[in-house]
């Protein structure tokens, strides 16, 4: 059946797609600005491209094009009278200040590595399988660390732990484990706040554990932290951990249900499992917004494919609250609640045996 084409709607959609493609291309330039410290520089002083060149030793012509592109993207502010570019205090929280709760440059840092994986993703779409985490480069691992670190610094001790009801236990001295701990910032943050407790970080990627141990030394918490290469399904079945967390890691795993059972065996009877996952709905139609777009995209290029690489479930970043509850229940947990924490990017649950 022939359908009449609304040319005006087609034009509007074309502009939308061009905008999306422009954003994708400008991502590379945001990466450049982050890696070269240009956003930090312009957060401190308004400068022309020539002044930036004099300050940094970078090539003026490249800086002219970079600043114009960032101004056209409305990331930098531009004064047409002075020809100077700057970053407002609000924009600096997002683009320049690493420990700000709004900082996103960790996500930016992952882009080149993820784009480089596209040809391999296409091959796996045809043949099956996926890309293991060992195939990703330093930008993905450091970018992931930088992306989640602000949340740990600004919310973990201040909001998340108090909401669990286990803050007093950690103050008195308890055993805590973070599964899929990456490069260790959650454990480091907790170890500083609760020096009487012992903290364990488990991750199956050895370079992450090496980086975490070095970080613990630099931050002065080696005495009450342990980082160990260990699969999520092979946690110590000691039954003496008071609290175990999975921060944005469960959906990446090969066997989330196996992880849930392993967590159950490691916990005390009165212990609990703290899980943080992307704040998405079970319904696709409720995820059609920028956050949903970001999570589905990174899932395709990293989270889902890393699980499928090992024959895993491949649930992906947007598996949603219903699937999470199924996993937790299969792990042997009988009490499950969503904590009352308002966060546009993540929701947090607490489950008990």
Protein backbone atom coordinates (compact mmCIF):
# COMPACT_ATOMS: atom_id res chain seq x y z
CA UNK A 1 0.00 0.00 0.00
CA UNK A 2 1.33 3.40 -0.97
CA UNK A 3 1.61 5.87 1.88
CA UNK A 4 1.79 9.60 1.27
CA UNK A 5 5.01 11.15 2.54
CA UNK A 6 4.81 14.21 4.74
CA UNK A 7 7.84 16.14 3.49
CA UNK A 8 7.81 18.54 6.43
CA UNK A 9 7.98 15.67 8.91
CA UNK A 10 10.74 14.09 6.84
CA UNK A 11 12.69 17.34 6.98
CA UNK A 12 12.25 17.58 10.76
CA UNK A 13 13.46 14.02 11.16
CA UNK A 14 16.45 14.68 8.90
CA UNK A 15 17.45 17.59 11.13
CA UNK A 16 17.12 15.37 14.19
CA UNK A 17 19.40 12.73 12.67
CA UNK A 18 21.91 15.36 11.57
CA UNK A 19 21.90 16.66 15.15
CA UNK A 20 22.55 13.17 16.50
CA UNK A 21 25.37 12.59 14.02
CA UNK A 22 26.87 15.99 14.84
CA UNK A 23 26.79 15.06 18.53
CA UNK A 24 28.50 11.77 17.72
CA UNK A 25 31.24 13.55 15.79
CA UNK A 26 31.70 16.24 18.42
CA UNK A 27 32.23 13.50 21.01
CA UNK A 28 35.71 13.06 19.61
CA UNK A 29 36.40 16.74 20.11
CA UNK A 30 35.09 16.63 23.68
CA UNK A 31 37.53 13.77 24.25
CA UNK A 32 40.35 15.94 22.88
CA UNK A 33 39.42 18.82 25.17
CA UNK A 34 39.33 16.54 28.18
CA UNK A 35 42.62 14.77 27.43
CA UNK A 36 44.45 18.06 26.74
CA UNK A 37 43.03 19.86 29.78
CA UNK A 38 41.35 22.54 27.69
CA UNK A 39 38.05 22.52 29.56
CA UNK A 40 39.87 22.92 32.87
CA UNK A 41 41.86 25.81 31.43
CA UNK A 42 38.78 27.61 30.12
CA UNK A 43 36.94 27.05 33.39
CA UNK A 44 39.60 29.25 35.02
CA UNK A 45 40.05 31.97 32.39
CA UNK A 46 38.29 33.26 29.27
CA UNK A 47 40.80 33.01 26.43
CA UNK A 48 41.06 33.40 22.67
CA UNK A 49 42.38 30.56 20.56
CA UNK A 50 45.67 32.43 20.21
CA UNK A 51 45.94 32.86 23.99
CA UNK A 52 45.25 29.16 24.51
CA UNK A 53 48.02 28.37 22.02
CA UNK A 54 50.46 30.62 23.87
CA UNK A 55 49.50 29.10 27.22
CA UNK A 56 49.60 25.44 26.16
CA UNK A 57 52.04 25.30 23.25
CA UNK A 58 49.35 23.66 21.09
CA UNK A 59 48.86 24.62 17.47
CA UNK A 60 46.73 27.74 17.02
CA UNK A 61 44.96 26.52 13.87
CA UNK A 62 43.73 23.35 15.58
CA UNK A 63 42.62 25.36 18.59
CA UNK A 64 40.69 27.75 16.38
CA UNK A 65 38.70 24.87 14.92
CA UNK A 66 38.25 23.10 18.24
CA UNK A 67 36.96 26.18 20.08
CA UNK A 68 34.56 27.02 17.25
CA UNK A 69 33.21 23.48 17.20
CA UNK A 70 32.70 23.50 20.96
CA UNK A 71 30.98 26.89 20.81
CA UNK A 72 28.72 25.66 17.99
CA UNK A 73 27.82 22.72 20.22
CA UNK A 74 27.02 25.19 23.04
CA UNK A 75 29.61 23.59 25.29
CA UNK A 76 31.87 26.64 25.39
CA UNK A 77 30.60 30.19 25.83
CA UNK A 78 31.79 32.70 23.21
CA UNK A 79 32.13 36.48 23.49
CA UNK A 80 31.90 37.91 19.98
CA UNK A 81 33.42 41.22 21.10
CA UNK A 82 36.57 39.85 22.69
CA UNK A 83 36.69 36.63 20.59
CA UNK A 84 37.29 34.79 23.84
CA UNK A 85 35.95 31.39 24.85
CA UNK A 86 35.09 30.30 28.39
CA UNK A 87 33.32 27.68 30.47
CA UNK A 88 30.63 28.84 32.88
CA UNK A 89 30.71 27.54 36.48
CA UNK A 90 27.72 25.33 35.76
CA UNK A 91 29.30 23.84 32.64
CA UNK A 92 32.56 23.37 34.51
CA UNK A 93 30.78 21.03 36.95
CA UNK A 94 29.96 18.78 34.01
CA UNK A 95 33.08 19.09 31.85
CA UNK A 96 36.02 20.17 34.00
CA UNK A 97 35.71 19.30 37.70
CA UNK A 98 36.49 15.60 38.14
CA UNK A 99 34.91 15.14 41.55
CA UNK A 100 31.70 17.04 40.80
CA UNK A 101 28.52 14.94 41.05
CA UNK A 102 27.69 16.09 37.50
CA UNK A 103 31.04 15.21 35.91
CA UNK A 104 30.66 13.11 32.70
CA UNK A 105 34.08 13.05 31.09
CA UNK A 106 34.66 9.46 32.13
CA UNK A 107 31.89 8.55 29.70
CA UNK A 108 33.58 10.67 27.05
CA UNK A 109 36.87 8.89 27.59
CA UNK A 110 35.31 5.55 26.63
CA UNK A 111 34.13 6.76 23.23
CA UNK A 112 37.20 6.15 21.03
CA UNK A 113 37.67 2.60 22.33
CA UNK A 114 33.97 1.84 21.85
CA UNK A 115 33.94 3.30 18.33
CA UNK A 116 36.96 1.15 17.48
CA UNK A 117 34.93 -1.93 18.43
CA UNK A 118 32.13 -1.26 15.90
CA UNK A 119 33.54 -3.48 13.10
CA UNK A 120 33.89 -6.35 15.57
CA UNK A 121 30.36 -5.76 16.88
CA UNK A 122 29.08 -6.07 13.31
CA UNK A 123 30.91 -9.38 12.94
CA UNK A 124 29.42 -10.72 16.17
CA UNK A 125 25.94 -9.60 15.08
CA UNK A 126 26.39 -11.95 12.11
CA UNK A 127 28.25 -14.81 13.78
CA UNK A 128 27.35 -14.61 17.48
CA UNK A 129 29.68 -14.24 20.44
CA UNK A 130 31.00 -10.96 21.77
CA UNK A 131 33.97 -8.87 22.83
CA UNK A 132 35.60 -9.79 26.17
CA UNK A 133 36.68 -7.06 28.56
CA UNK A 134 40.29 -8.08 28.02
CA UNK A 135 40.00 -6.66 24.47
CA UNK A 136 39.12 -3.15 25.68
CA UNK A 137 41.90 -0.65 26.22
CA UNK A 138 42.96 1.71 28.99
CA UNK A 139 40.46 4.43 28.03
CA UNK A 140 37.53 2.14 28.79
CA UNK A 141 38.80 1.10 32.21
CA UNK A 142 40.03 4.54 33.29
CA UNK A 143 36.93 6.15 31.76
CA UNK A 144 34.67 3.82 33.72
CA UNK A 145 36.58 4.68 36.89
CA UNK A 146 36.25 8.43 36.24
CA UNK A 147 32.56 8.11 35.39
CA UNK A 148 31.56 6.34 38.62
CA UNK A 149 34.05 7.93 41.03
CA UNK A 150 32.01 11.17 41.52
CA UNK A 151 29.01 9.10 42.61
CA UNK A 152 31.07 7.26 45.20
CA UNK A 153 32.68 10.45 46.52
CA UNK A 154 29.43 12.42 46.73
CA UNK A 155 26.76 9.85 47.60
CA UNK A 156 28.08 6.48 48.78
CA UNK A 157 28.89 7.40 52.40
CA UNK A 158 26.54 10.37 52.58
CA UNK A 159 23.35 8.72 51.23
CA UNK A 160 23.60 5.12 50.06
CA UNK A 161 25.11 3.46 53.13
CA UNK A 162 22.84 5.31 55.62
CA UNK A 163 19.83 4.20 53.57
CA UNK A 164 20.81 0.54 54.03
CA UNK A 165 20.62 0.67 57.83
CA UNK A 166 24.14 -0.80 58.13
CA UNK A 167 26.06 2.41 58.81
CA UNK A 168 26.39 1.67 62.54
CA UNK A 169 27.72 -1.85 61.82
CA UNK A 170 30.41 -0.44 59.55
CA UNK A 171 31.40 2.13 62.15
CA UNK A 172 31.78 -0.60 64.76
CA UNK A 173 33.69 -2.94 62.43
CA UNK A 174 32.33 -5.33 59.81
CA UNK A 175 33.29 -7.19 56.63
CA UNK A 176 32.18 -5.60 53.36
CA UNK A 177 32.77 -6.76 49.78
CA UNK A 178 32.26 -5.05 46.44
CA UNK A 179 31.83 -7.49 43.54
CA UNK A 180 32.97 -6.33 40.12
CA UNK A 181 34.77 -3.51 41.91
CA UNK A 182 36.73 -2.24 38.90
CA UNK A 183 39.64 -0.02 39.90
CA UNK A 184 38.42 0.24 43.47
CA UNK A 185 37.06 3.71 44.20
CA UNK A 186 33.96 2.48 46.04
CA UNK A 187 36.10 0.37 48.38
CA UNK A 188 38.63 3.19 48.87
CA UNK A 189 35.87 5.66 49.72
CA UNK A 190 34.32 3.29 52.27
CA UNK A 191 37.65 2.32 53.81
CA UNK A 192 38.39 5.97 54.55
CA UNK A 193 34.99 6.53 56.13
CA UNK A 194 34.90 3.34 58.21
CA UNK A 195 38.46 2.53 59.35
CA UNK A 196 37.34 -0.18 61.82
CA UNK A 197 35.83 -2.30 59.02
CA UNK A 198 37.58 -4.57 56.53
CA UNK A 199 36.82 -4.04 52.85
CA UNK A 200 37.29 -6.52 50.01
CA UNK A 201 37.20 -5.75 46.30
CA UNK A 202 36.66 -8.65 43.91
CA UNK A 203 37.04 -8.41 40.14
CA UNK A 204 37.98 -10.98 37.50
CA UNK A 205 40.20 -8.55 35.54
CA UNK A 206 43.71 -8.64 36.98
CA UNK A 207 44.91 -5.20 35.74
CA UNK A 208 42.01 -3.59 37.60
CA UNK A 209 43.11 -5.25 40.82
CA UNK A 210 46.69 -4.07 40.33
CA UNK A 211 45.45 -0.51 39.80
CA UNK A 212 43.18 -0.76 42.86
CA UNK A 213 46.03 -1.90 45.11
CA UNK A 214 48.17 1.02 43.98
CA UNK A 215 45.27 3.39 44.60
CA UNK A 216 44.82 1.99 48.11
CA UNK A 217 48.49 2.71 48.85
CA UNK A 218 48.25 6.27 47.54
CA UNK A 219 45.07 6.95 49.51
CA UNK A 220 46.48 5.44 52.71
CA UNK A 221 43.97 2.62 53.21
CA UNK A 222 46.02 -0.50 52.49
CA UNK A 223 45.56 -1.67 56.09
CA UNK A 224 41.81 -2.28 55.80
CA UNK A 225 41.44 -3.08 52.09
CA UNK A 226 42.05 -6.26 50.11
CA UNK A 227 41.75 -6.53 46.33
CA UNK A 228 41.59 -9.99 44.85
CA UNK A 229 41.14 -11.44 41.36
CA UNK A 230 38.02 -13.55 41.78
CA UNK A 231 35.01 -14.48 39.63
CA UNK A 232 31.63 -13.23 40.80
CA UNK A 233 30.39 -16.82 41.12
CA UNK A 234 33.33 -17.82 43.33
CA UNK A 235 33.08 -15.51 46.33
CA UNK A 236 34.34 -16.79 49.70
CA UNK A 237 31.48 -18.90 51.10
CA UNK A 238 32.33 -17.87 54.64
CA UNK A 239 28.95 -16.52 55.72
CA UNK A 240 30.59 -13.64 57.57
CA UNK A 241 30.15 -10.59 55.33
CA UNK A 242 27.76 -7.98 56.69
CA UNK A 243 27.23 -6.13 53.42
CA UNK A 244 28.06 -6.96 49.79
CA UNK A 245 27.56 -4.60 46.88
CA UNK A 246 27.36 -4.77 43.12
CA UNK A 247 27.63 -1.26 41.72
CA UNK A 248 26.62 -1.16 38.04
CA UNK A 249 28.25 -4.54 37.50
CA UNK A 250 25.59 -7.27 37.77
CA UNK A 251 24.14 -6.73 34.29
CA UNK A 252 27.63 -7.15 32.73
CA UNK A 253 28.19 -10.58 34.21
CA UNK A 254 28.24 -13.92 32.45
CA UNK A 255 26.10 -15.55 35.13
CA UNK A 256 24.22 -13.00 37.26
CA UNK A 257 22.14 -15.71 38.92
CA UNK A 258 25.32 -17.56 39.87
CA UNK A 259 26.67 -14.32 41.31
CA UNK A 260 23.49 -13.95 43.36
CA UNK A 261 23.88 -17.44 44.82
CA UNK A 262 27.55 -16.77 45.56
CA UNK A 263 26.69 -13.52 47.35
CA UNK A 264 24.09 -15.37 49.42
CA UNK A 265 26.69 -17.89 50.58
CA UNK A 266 29.15 -15.17 51.55
CA UNK A 267 26.70 -13.15 53.68
CA UNK A 268 25.79 -13.41 57.33
CA UNK A 269 22.19 -14.39 58.05
CA UNK A 270 21.55 -10.80 59.08
CA UNK A 271 23.58 -9.39 56.18
CA UNK A 272 22.36 -7.74 52.98
CA UNK A 273 23.13 -7.34 49.29
CA UNK A 274 23.26 -3.79 47.90
CA UNK A 275 22.75 -3.55 44.14
CA UNK A 276 22.96 -0.43 42.00
CA UNK A 277 21.70 -0.62 38.40
CA UNK A 278 20.85 1.86 35.61
CA UNK A 279 17.60 3.69 36.33
CA UNK A 280 15.53 2.35 33.45
CA UNK A 281 12.06 0.92 33.11
CA UNK A 282 11.09 -2.61 32.08
CA UNK A 283 9.17 -0.97 29.24
CA UNK A 284 11.05 0.31 26.22
CA UNK A 285 8.50 3.07 25.65
CA UNK A 286 9.42 4.53 29.05
CA UNK A 287 13.13 4.55 28.20
CA UNK A 288 12.90 6.71 25.11
CA UNK A 289 14.90 9.63 26.47
CA UNK A 290 18.59 10.68 26.59
CA UNK A 291 19.46 8.47 29.58
CA UNK A 292 17.84 5.45 27.98
CA UNK A 293 19.65 6.15 24.73
CA UNK A 294 22.99 6.38 26.53
CA UNK A 295 22.50 3.13 28.47
CA UNK A 296 21.24 1.08 25.51
CA UNK A 297 24.17 2.33 23.42
CA UNK A 298 26.91 1.59 25.94
CA UNK A 299 25.27 -1.77 26.58
CA UNK A 300 25.53 -2.69 22.89
CA UNK A 301 29.16 -1.61 22.69
CA UNK A 302 30.34 -2.92 26.07
CA UNK A 303 28.05 -4.43 28.72
CA UNK A 304 26.00 -6.92 26.69
CA UNK A 305 28.75 -8.01 24.32
CA UNK A 306 31.23 -8.62 27.17
CA UNK A 307 28.81 -11.12 28.70
CA UNK A 308 28.02 -12.79 25.38
CA UNK A 309 31.76 -13.17 24.70
CA UNK A 310 31.83 -15.92 27.32
CA UNK A 311 28.48 -17.49 26.46
CA UNK A 312 26.78 -15.45 29.16
CA UNK A 313 23.22 -14.22 29.63
CA UNK A 314 23.92 -10.86 27.96
CA UNK A 315 21.19 -9.05 29.88
CA UNK A 316 22.78 -5.66 29.21
CA UNK A 317 22.62 -2.36 31.04
CA UNK A 318 18.87 -1.95 30.59
CA UNK A 319 17.75 -5.30 32.01
CA UNK A 320 15.43 -3.38 34.34
CA UNK A 321 13.97 -3.92 37.83
CA UNK A 322 11.87 -7.01 37.05
CA UNK A 323 14.80 -9.01 35.71
CA UNK A 324 16.91 -7.82 38.66
CA UNK A 325 14.29 -9.10 41.11
CA UNK A 326 14.23 -12.47 39.33
CA UNK A 327 18.01 -12.74 39.66
CA UNK A 328 17.94 -11.80 43.34
CA UNK A 329 15.14 -14.28 44.09
CA UNK A 330 16.99 -17.11 42.32
CA UNK A 331 19.96 -16.31 44.54
CA UNK A 332 17.96 -17.27 47.63
CA UNK A 333 17.00 -13.82 48.87
CA UNK A 334 13.49 -13.48 50.29
CA UNK A 335 13.32 -9.80 51.22
CA UNK A 336 13.86 -7.18 48.55
CA UNK A 337 13.30 -3.43 48.56
CA UNK A 338 14.11 -0.46 46.39
CA UNK A 339 15.80 2.18 48.51
CA UNK A 340 14.20 5.65 48.54
CA UNK A 341 17.10 7.41 46.83
CA UNK A 342 16.34 9.93 44.11
CA UNK A 343 18.89 9.52 41.33
CA UNK A 344 18.16 10.05 37.61
CA UNK A 345 20.90 7.63 36.51
CA UNK A 346 20.60 4.68 38.91
CA UNK A 347 18.25 2.89 41.26
CA UNK A 348 19.46 0.99 44.32
CA UNK A 349 18.02 -2.13 45.93
CA UNK A 350 18.71 -3.88 49.23
CA UNK A 351 18.05 -7.62 49.53
CA UNK A 352 18.25 -9.93 52.54
CA UNK A 353 18.17 -13.74 52.91
